[in-house]
């Protein structure tokens, strides 16, 4: 009986070509098992991914969305953007509707900011003072509606170029040291018909602080002073912001400047026309009593408080310039210090005998002190007083048979009561 040989690989008797296919199926099965395990691991690490919001969840109704609605606030600026020849006062107005102003900035081309304030209700902004002439301004204004959404407005405009201008000629000089009686005095080159606007454009402050008020003499002079003489050592600052102020119709100021001066030691000298002496008090102490000669009975000296406004080592005095005709013409009066605009001086006198001083009043209204011709002797009473005096020092005349000097005759506003000065 014939038998077939038994093969040890009879269990793998399928064709060799089919064997790789069996291994690929096994590979896919293994890969699926591994991926499934990884998926379970990731899910476990996510802490229950069913509650985790995916990209699609952001589209669900009720999710918070950015507010893309425009602000309801409306900002209005006058004058309009690009406007020319804009008036320097009353023209700039910034308002907000359906909202409140939160920021307003107005600057010139140099970056100087215009002072102003937003109203308590946020509806409007107003400048604190007039604008400068011939100047371009930029406006940036921001308002917010009830939801806090912002609305902005940016504009540019240019103020008018004046055809007619004025300035204020002022005393004392910047950087000077003056006496305790020195006011701040302005003389304007054109008569002022809007004094409130001009006065508000000038700020005078002092350190230590003291109330300072202005007073007009006519329509072209404005003086500032405290109620009493300045204290020695006071620092005074004068800020002029007259550029663009309409002082009279069609006439505008053109000054922007800061001036500072210092009050020196206190010196107040009292001339007694009756006793014919002058007592010099410095910082509260009498330092000298000097014999003088005052106005003669027919040409008496004014009474009152007078301020030294200029010092002249030698000057000419001609009676014709002050209403005395040809009664005198002295070409070399020494150590002269002006006390009034009408010609009152305290000065050296070399033509009267030495016995005149302290015994007789012989002048044409001035106060005379013994001196030497040419002002060359520093030891004379006139030279001593001249060298120790400052512009702004006070000379008080009393017991003269004359009226009190007018407050506007020189820098002599101290002769006006404070209640009248501040009216």
Protein backbone atom coordinates (compact mmCIF):
# COMPACT_ATOMS: atom_id res chain seq x y z
CA UNK A 1 0.00 0.00 0.00
CA UNK A 2 1.51 3.24 -1.06
CA UNK A 3 1.56 6.03 1.53
CA UNK A 4 2.27 9.78 0.93
CA UNK A 5 5.14 11.38 2.90
CA UNK A 6 3.97 13.40 5.83
CA UNK A 7 5.29 17.05 5.82
CA UNK A 8 6.10 18.69 9.10
CA UNK A 9 4.75 22.03 7.64
CA UNK A 10 1.46 20.46 6.61
CA UNK A 11 -0.25 22.94 8.99
CA UNK A 12 1.11 25.80 6.85
CA UNK A 13 0.20 24.24 3.59
CA UNK A 14 -1.58 27.41 2.13
CA UNK A 15 0.29 29.18 -0.59
CA UNK A 16 3.17 31.44 0.41
CA UNK A 17 1.57 34.32 -1.45
CA UNK A 18 -1.22 34.44 1.13
CA UNK A 19 0.99 34.71 4.19
CA UNK A 20 1.85 38.46 4.10
CA UNK A 21 -1.86 39.32 3.88
CA UNK A 22 -2.43 37.52 7.18
CA UNK A 23 0.32 39.62 8.85
CA UNK A 24 -1.13 42.95 7.54
CA UNK A 25 -4.54 42.12 8.97
CA UNK A 26 -2.88 41.37 12.29
CA UNK A 27 -1.02 44.73 12.07
CA UNK A 28 -4.21 46.69 11.49
CA UNK A 29 -5.84 44.99 14.43
CA UNK A 30 -2.92 45.82 16.70
CA UNK A 31 -2.88 49.48 15.50
CA UNK A 32 -6.58 49.84 16.24
CA UNK A 33 -6.08 48.47 19.74
CA UNK A 34 -3.19 50.90 20.43
CA UNK A 35 -5.11 53.92 19.11
CA UNK A 36 -8.11 52.99 21.21
CA UNK A 37 -5.96 52.81 24.32
CA UNK A 38 -4.42 56.21 23.59
CA UNK A 39 -7.85 57.71 23.08
CA UNK A 40 -8.97 56.40 26.46
CA UNK A 41 -5.81 57.81 28.06
CA UNK A 42 -6.31 61.30 26.56
CA UNK A 43 -9.94 61.32 27.65
CA UNK A 44 -8.99 60.34 31.17
CA UNK A 45 -6.32 63.09 31.35
CA UNK A 46 -8.89 65.66 30.19
CA UNK A 47 -10.99 65.08 33.28
CA UNK A 48 -14.17 64.12 31.48
CA UNK A 49 -13.92 65.86 28.15
CA UNK A 50 -17.68 65.95 27.70
CA UNK A 51 -17.80 69.21 29.74
CA UNK A 52 -14.91 70.87 27.90
CA UNK A 53 -15.95 73.64 25.49
CA UNK A 54 -14.71 73.06 22.00
CA UNK A 55 -14.55 75.55 19.11
CA UNK A 56 -18.13 74.89 18.20
CA UNK A 57 -19.27 75.72 21.73
CA UNK A 58 -18.18 79.40 21.22
CA UNK A 59 -20.97 79.76 18.74
CA UNK A 60 -23.62 78.64 21.18
CA UNK A 61 -26.36 81.20 21.93
CA UNK A 62 -25.76 83.22 25.13
CA UNK A 63 -21.95 83.15 24.93
CA UNK A 64 -20.33 86.65 25.65
CA UNK A 65 -19.72 88.64 22.47
CA UNK A 66 -17.53 91.78 21.88
CA UNK A 67 -19.56 95.04 21.75
CA UNK A 68 -19.12 96.29 18.22
CA UNK A 69 -21.80 98.98 18.30
CA UNK A 70 -20.69 102.56 17.64
CA UNK A 71 -20.71 105.11 20.45
CA UNK A 72 -23.88 107.17 20.68
CA UNK A 73 -21.91 110.21 21.95
CA UNK A 74 -21.55 113.09 19.49
CA UNK A 75 -18.72 115.64 19.94
CA UNK A 76 -19.12 119.06 18.33
CA UNK A 77 -16.28 121.58 18.00
CA UNK A 78 -16.72 125.20 16.97
CA UNK A 79 -15.13 126.70 14.95
CA UNK A 80 -15.20 124.16 12.15
CA UNK A 81 -12.14 122.26 11.06
CA UNK A 82 -9.86 124.43 8.90
CA UNK A 83 -11.51 127.72 9.87
CA UNK A 84 -9.48 130.92 9.41
CA UNK A 85 -9.64 134.41 10.98
CA UNK A 86 -11.27 133.03 14.11
CA UNK A 87 -12.01 135.54 16.87
CA UNK A 88 -9.74 135.22 19.91
CA UNK A 89 -12.61 135.38 22.42
CA UNK A 90 -15.94 133.56 22.55
CA UNK A 91 -15.38 131.45 19.44
CA UNK A 92 -14.02 128.16 20.82
CA UNK A 93 -16.82 125.89 22.06
CA UNK A 94 -16.71 122.12 22.57
CA UNK A 95 -19.86 120.17 23.46
CA UNK A 96 -21.07 116.59 23.77
CA UNK A 97 -24.53 115.20 23.00
CA UNK A 98 -25.76 111.76 24.15
CA UNK A 99 -22.65 111.42 26.24
CA UNK A 100 -20.14 113.24 28.45
CA UNK A 101 -16.79 114.79 27.58
CA UNK A 102 -13.97 112.84 29.19
CA UNK A 103 -10.92 114.53 27.65
CA UNK A 104 -10.28 117.84 25.89
CA UNK A 105 -6.88 119.09 24.77
CA UNK A 106 -6.28 122.32 22.84
CA UNK A 107 -2.70 123.18 21.87
CA UNK A 108 -0.90 125.66 19.65
CA UNK A 109 1.82 124.70 17.17
CA UNK A 110 4.48 125.04 19.89
CA UNK A 111 2.70 122.54 22.10
CA UNK A 112 1.44 125.12 24.58
CA UNK A 113 -1.84 123.92 26.04
CA UNK A 114 -4.86 126.17 26.46
CA UNK A 115 -6.24 126.03 29.98
CA UNK A 116 -9.89 125.11 30.31
CA UNK A 117 -12.35 122.96 32.17
CA UNK A 118 -15.09 120.44 31.49
CA UNK A 119 -18.47 121.36 32.99
CA UNK A 120 -19.70 119.28 35.92
CA UNK A 121 -22.32 117.60 33.75
CA UNK A 122 -19.75 116.76 31.07
CA UNK A 123 -21.76 118.54 28.38
CA UNK A 124 -19.29 121.29 27.50
CA UNK A 125 -15.72 122.54 27.77
CA UNK A 126 -14.70 126.20 27.95
CA UNK A 127 -11.25 127.84 27.75
CA UNK A 128 -10.09 129.67 30.85
CA UNK A 129 -9.02 132.71 28.85
CA UNK A 130 -8.84 134.19 25.36
CA UNK A 131 -6.77 132.70 22.55
CA UNK A 132 -3.65 134.25 21.05
CA UNK A 133 -3.89 136.06 17.72
CA UNK A 134 -2.29 134.77 14.49
CA UNK A 135 -2.07 131.27 15.96
CA UNK A 136 -3.04 127.80 14.74
CA UNK A 137 -4.69 125.54 17.31
CA UNK A 138 -5.34 121.79 17.35
CA UNK A 139 -8.32 120.34 19.22
CA UNK A 140 -8.65 116.75 20.45
CA UNK A 141 -11.92 116.03 22.25
CA UNK A 142 -13.21 112.69 23.54
CA UNK A 143 -16.68 111.81 24.87
CA UNK A 144 -18.21 108.57 26.17
CA UNK A 145 -21.80 107.40 26.00
CA UNK A 146 -23.73 105.66 28.78
CA UNK A 147 -22.15 102.32 27.84
CA UNK A 148 -18.64 103.73 28.09
CA UNK A 149 -18.07 103.71 24.33
CA UNK A 150 -15.80 106.54 23.16
CA UNK A 151 -16.25 109.03 20.33
CA UNK A 152 -13.51 111.49 19.31
CA UNK A 153 -13.27 114.71 17.32
CA UNK A 154 -10.04 116.30 16.03
CA UNK A 155 -9.99 119.72 14.38
CA UNK A 156 -7.60 122.54 13.49
CA UNK A 157 -8.28 126.28 13.15
CA UNK A 158 -6.37 129.58 12.98
CA UNK A 159 -7.11 132.83 14.79
CA UNK A 160 -7.27 136.26 13.18
CA UNK A 161 -4.30 138.48 12.29
CA UNK A 162 -4.86 141.89 13.98
CA UNK A 163 -4.57 145.06 11.94
CA UNK A 164 -4.28 147.25 15.05
CA UNK A 165 -2.43 146.36 18.27
CA UNK A 166 -1.48 147.77 21.65
CA UNK A 167 1.13 147.02 24.30
CA UNK A 168 1.48 147.85 27.97
CA UNK A 169 4.60 149.73 28.98
CA UNK A 170 5.31 148.50 32.51
CA UNK A 171 7.30 149.17 35.64
CA UNK A 172 9.36 147.91 37.45
CA UNK A 173 11.91 146.24 35.22
CA UNK A 174 12.40 142.50 35.08
CA UNK A 175 15.00 141.29 37.57
CA UNK A 176 15.12 144.56 39.51
CA UNK A 177 15.21 145.09 43.27
CA UNK A 178 12.90 147.88 44.39
CA UNK A 179 11.54 149.57 47.48
CA UNK A 180 8.47 148.56 49.47
CA UNK A 181 6.26 151.21 47.85
CA UNK A 182 6.75 150.11 44.24
CA UNK A 183 3.47 149.23 42.48
CA UNK A 184 3.20 147.31 39.24
CA UNK A 185 2.19 149.97 36.74
CA UNK A 186 1.06 149.64 33.10
CA UNK A 187 0.63 152.47 30.62
CA UNK A 188 -1.12 151.26 27.47
CA UNK A 189 -0.34 152.65 24.05
CA UNK A 190 -4.02 152.79 23.14
CA UNK A 191 -6.99 153.81 25.26
CA UNK A 192 -8.71 150.71 26.66
CA UNK A 193 -12.50 150.40 26.42
CA UNK A 194 -12.65 146.79 27.64
CA UNK A 195 -10.74 147.10 30.94
CA UNK A 196 -12.09 143.86 32.43
CA UNK A 197 -10.62 141.77 29.61
CA UNK A 198 -7.26 143.51 29.84
CA UNK A 199 -7.03 143.34 33.62
CA UNK A 200 -7.96 139.65 33.68
CA UNK A 201 -5.06 138.94 31.30
CA UNK A 202 -2.51 140.24 33.83
CA UNK A 203 -1.76 138.19 36.95
CA UNK A 204 0.35 139.62 39.77
CA UNK A 205 1.35 137.23 42.57
CA UNK A 206 3.70 137.49 45.52
CA UNK A 207 5.72 135.20 47.75
CA UNK A 208 4.89 135.34 50.61
CA UNK A 209 1.34 135.57 49.30
CA UNK A 210 -0.70 138.72 49.83
CA UNK A 211 -3.91 140.00 48.19
CA UNK A 212 -3.06 142.23 45.20
CA UNK A 213 -5.63 144.31 43.33
CA UNK A 214 -5.59 146.41 40.20
CA UNK A 215 -6.93 149.94 39.79
CA UNK A 216 -7.51 151.94 36.61
CA UNK A 217 -6.52 155.58 36.29
CA UNK A 218 -8.38 156.69 33.18
CA UNK A 219 -8.46 154.32 30.22
CA UNK A 220 -4.75 153.89 29.62
CA UNK A 221 -3.15 153.20 33.01
CA UNK A 222 -3.52 150.19 35.31
CA UNK A 223 -1.65 149.81 38.61
CA UNK A 224 -1.48 146.82 40.96
CA UNK A 225 -0.58 146.91 44.66
CA UNK A 226 -1.32 145.22 48.00
CA UNK A 227 -3.28 146.99 50.72
CA UNK A 228 -0.11 147.96 52.61
CA UNK A 229 3.51 148.35 51.57
CA UNK A 230 5.22 145.17 50.43
CA UNK A 231 7.17 143.24 53.02
CA UNK A 232 10.93 143.35 52.62
CA UNK A 233 12.23 140.36 50.64
CA UNK A 234 8.95 139.66 48.84
CA UNK A 235 9.26 138.01 45.41
CA UNK A 236 6.74 139.38 42.90
CA UNK A 237 5.77 137.75 39.59
CA UNK A 238 3.83 139.49 36.81
CA UNK A 239 2.39 137.31 34.03
CA UNK A 240 1.15 139.14 30.95
CA UNK A 241 -1.14 137.24 28.59
CA UNK A 242 -2.26 140.19 26.49
CA UNK A 243 -1.72 138.56 23.10
CA UNK A 244 -5.14 138.38 21.47
CA UNK A 245 -7.01 140.49 24.06
CA UNK A 246 -9.38 142.90 22.33
CA UNK A 247 -8.71 146.02 24.40
CA UNK A 248 -10.95 148.15 22.25
CA UNK A 249 -12.92 147.29 19.09
CA UNK A 250 -10.51 145.94 16.49
CA UNK A 251 -7.41 146.62 18.63
CA UNK A 252 -5.62 143.61 20.12
CA UNK A 253 -2.80 143.16 22.59
CA UNK A 254 0.41 141.47 21.50
CA UNK A 255 2.35 140.72 24.69
CA UNK A 256 3.00 137.39 26.38
CA UNK A 257 5.67 137.77 29.01
CA UNK A 258 6.60 137.00 32.60
CA UNK A 259 8.40 139.60 34.73
CA UNK A 260 9.87 139.02 38.18
CA UNK A 261 11.26 141.49 40.70
CA UNK A 262 12.26 141.55 44.36
CA UNK A 263 11.36 143.89 47.18
CA UNK A 264 14.55 145.00 48.95
CA UNK A 265 14.96 146.23 52.50
CA UNK A 266 12.26 148.54 53.81
CA UNK A 267 12.99 152.28 53.73
CA UNK A 268 10.35 154.92 54.47
CA UNK A 269 11.52 158.52 54.95
CA UNK A 270 9.26 161.16 56.48
CA UNK A 271 9.68 164.83 55.62
CA UNK A 272 8.21 167.24 58.17
CA UNK A 273 7.77 170.57 56.37
CA UNK A 274 7.13 172.30 59.68
CA UNK A 275 10.26 171.12 61.49
CA UNK A 276 12.23 171.10 58.22
CA UNK A 277 13.73 167.69 58.85
CA UNK A 278 13.58 164.25 57.24
CA UNK A 279 13.68 161.08 59.34
CA UNK A 280 14.99 158.03 57.47
CA UNK A 281 13.64 154.72 58.80
CA UNK A 282 15.14 151.50 57.47
CA UNK A 283 13.74 148.12 58.46
CA UNK A 284 11.87 149.76 61.32
CA UNK A 285 14.82 151.68 62.78
CA UNK A 286 15.62 155.39 62.42
CA UNK A 287 19.08 155.53 60.86
CA UNK A 288 19.38 159.30 60.28
CA UNK A 289 17.57 162.61 60.61
CA UNK A 290 18.53 165.11 57.92
CA UNK A 291 17.90 168.90 57.78
CA UNK A 292 15.92 169.82 54.63
CA UNK A 293 14.25 172.70 52.89
CA UNK A 294 10.74 172.27 51.49
CA UNK A 295 8.46 174.41 49.37
CA UNK A 296 8.27 178.13 50.06
CA UNK A 297 4.96 179.58 51.31
CA UNK A 298 3.93 180.47 47.75
CA UNK A 299 5.13 177.20 46.19
CA UNK A 300 4.44 174.62 48.84
CA UNK A 301 5.24 170.90 48.68
CA UNK A 302 2.48 168.32 48.30
CA UNK A 303 1.60 166.29 51.36
CA UNK A 304 1.24 162.52 51.17
CA UNK A 305 3.00 159.27 50.39
CA UNK A 306 5.28 159.49 47.36
CA UNK A 307 7.32 156.80 45.65
CA UNK A 308 10.76 157.34 44.14
CA UNK A 309 10.28 156.52 40.44
CA UNK A 310 13.71 157.40 39.01
CA UNK A 311 17.18 158.40 40.16
CA UNK A 312 19.35 160.92 38.29
CA UNK A 313 22.84 161.70 39.53
CA UNK A 314 22.76 165.04 37.73
CA UNK A 315 19.83 166.56 35.81
CA UNK A 316 18.51 169.86 34.48
CA UNK A 317 15.50 171.50 36.12
CA UNK A 318 13.72 174.21 34.14
CA UNK A 319 10.77 175.99 35.72
CA UNK A 320 9.18 176.48 32.31
CA UNK A 321 8.49 172.73 32.05
CA UNK A 322 6.38 172.67 35.22
CA UNK A 323 4.51 175.94 35.03
CA UNK A 324 6.97 178.30 36.68
CA UNK A 325 8.00 180.20 33.55
CA UNK A 326 11.56 181.47 33.70
CA UNK A 327 11.81 181.55 37.50
CA UNK A 328 14.65 179.05 37.45
CA UNK A 329 16.74 176.96 35.08
CA UNK A 330 19.40 174.90 36.85
CA UNK A 331 21.36 172.72 34.46
CA UNK A 332 23.21 170.55 36.98
CA UNK A 333 20.93 169.62 39.86
CA UNK A 334 22.74 166.83 41.76
CA UNK A 335 21.34 163.62 43.26
CA UNK A 336 17.78 164.07 42.00
CA UNK A 337 15.02 161.51 42.66
CA UNK A 338 11.58 161.97 41.12
CA UNK A 339 8.50 161.81 43.38
CA UNK A 340 5.74 162.94 40.98
CA UNK A 341 4.96 163.38 37.30
CA UNK A 342 4.35 167.08 37.89
CA UNK A 343 7.95 167.80 38.84
CA UNK A 344 8.27 167.06 42.57
CA UNK A 345 11.78 165.80 43.40
CA UNK A 346 13.91 165.21 46.43
CA UNK A 347 17.34 166.40 45.38
CA UNK A 348 20.66 167.94 46.29
CA UNK A 349 20.90 171.72 46.59
CA UNK A 350 24.27 173.48 46.29
CA UNK A 351 23.03 177.03 45.62
CA UNK A 352 21.39 177.71 48.99
CA UNK A 353 23.53 178.56 52.02
CA UNK A 354 24.19 175.73 54.42
CA UNK A 355 22.21 177.56 57.10
CA UNK A 356 19.03 177.27 55.01
CA UNK A 357 18.61 173.53 55.61
CA UNK A 358 16.63 172.89 58.74
CA UNK A 359 15.66 176.57 59.13
CA UNK A 360 13.75 177.80 56.06
CA UNK A 361 11.54 176.49 53.26
CA UNK A 362 12.68 178.14 50.04
CA UNK A 363 12.08 175.66 47.18
CA UNK A 364 9.52 175.66 44.36
CA UNK A 365 7.90 172.54 45.83
CA UNK A 366 10.78 170.08 45.90
CA UNK A 367 12.54 168.74 48.98
CA UNK A 368 16.16 169.94 49.07
CA UNK A 369 19.15 168.44 50.89
CA UNK A 370 22.56 170.05 51.26
CA UNK A 371 24.91 169.03 48.45
CA UNK A 372 27.99 169.97 46.44
CA UNK A 373 27.95 171.06 42.82
CA UNK A 374 28.78 168.21 40.46
CA UNK A 375 27.61 165.51 42.88
CA UNK A 376 31.21 164.62 43.60
CA UNK A 377 31.21 164.63 47.40
CA UNK A 378 29.83 161.35 48.82
CA UNK A 379 29.80 162.83 52.30
CA UNK A 380 26.98 165.33 51.77
CA UNK A 381 23.50 164.52 53.10
CA UNK A 382 22.08 164.47 49.56
CA UNK A 383 24.75 162.02 48.32
CA UNK A 384 24.25 159.78 51.36
CA UNK A 385 20.49 159.64 50.84
CA UNK A 386 20.79 159.15 47.07
CA UNK A 387 23.27 156.29 47.37
CA UNK A 388 21.18 154.52 50.02
CA UNK A 389 17.83 154.79 48.21
CA UNK A 390 16.08 152.47 45.77
CA UNK A 391 13.50 153.17 43.12
CA UNK A 392 10.30 152.25 44.94
CA UNK A 393 11.32 153.67 48.32
CA UNK A 394 8.70 155.84 50.01
CA UNK A 395 9.03 159.50 50.95
CA UNK A 396 6.15 160.83 53.09
CA UNK A 397 5.59 164.59 53.34
CA UNK A 398 3.55 165.99 56.22
CA UNK A 399 2.72 169.38 57.77
CA UNK A 400 2.99 171.25 54.48
CA UNK A 401 0.45 173.95 53.66
CA UNK A 402 -0.64 172.16 50.53
CA UNK A 403 -3.10 169.48 49.51
CA UNK A 404 -2.42 165.76 49.38
CA UNK A 405 -0.83 164.61 46.16
CA UNK A 406 -3.18 162.92 43.67
CA UNK A 407 -2.86 159.10 43.56
CA UNK A 408 -2.16 159.14 39.82
CA UNK A 409 0.49 161.90 40.00
CA UNK A 410 3.44 159.52 39.87
CA UNK A 411 3.25 156.04 41.37
CA UNK A 412 1.40 157.37 44.40
CA UNK A 413 -1.69 155.19 44.63
CA UNK A 414 -0.95 154.66 48.33
CA UNK A 415 -2.83 157.92 48.92
CA UNK A 416 -6.08 156.21 47.90
CA UNK A 417 -7.95 154.22 50.58
CA UNK A 418 -8.05 150.47 49.95
CA UNK A 419 -11.86 150.49 49.82
CA UNK A 420 -11.75 152.94 46.94
CA UNK A 421 -8.82 151.22 45.25
CA UNK A 422 -10.71 147.95 45.05
CA UNK A 423 -14.00 149.36 43.72
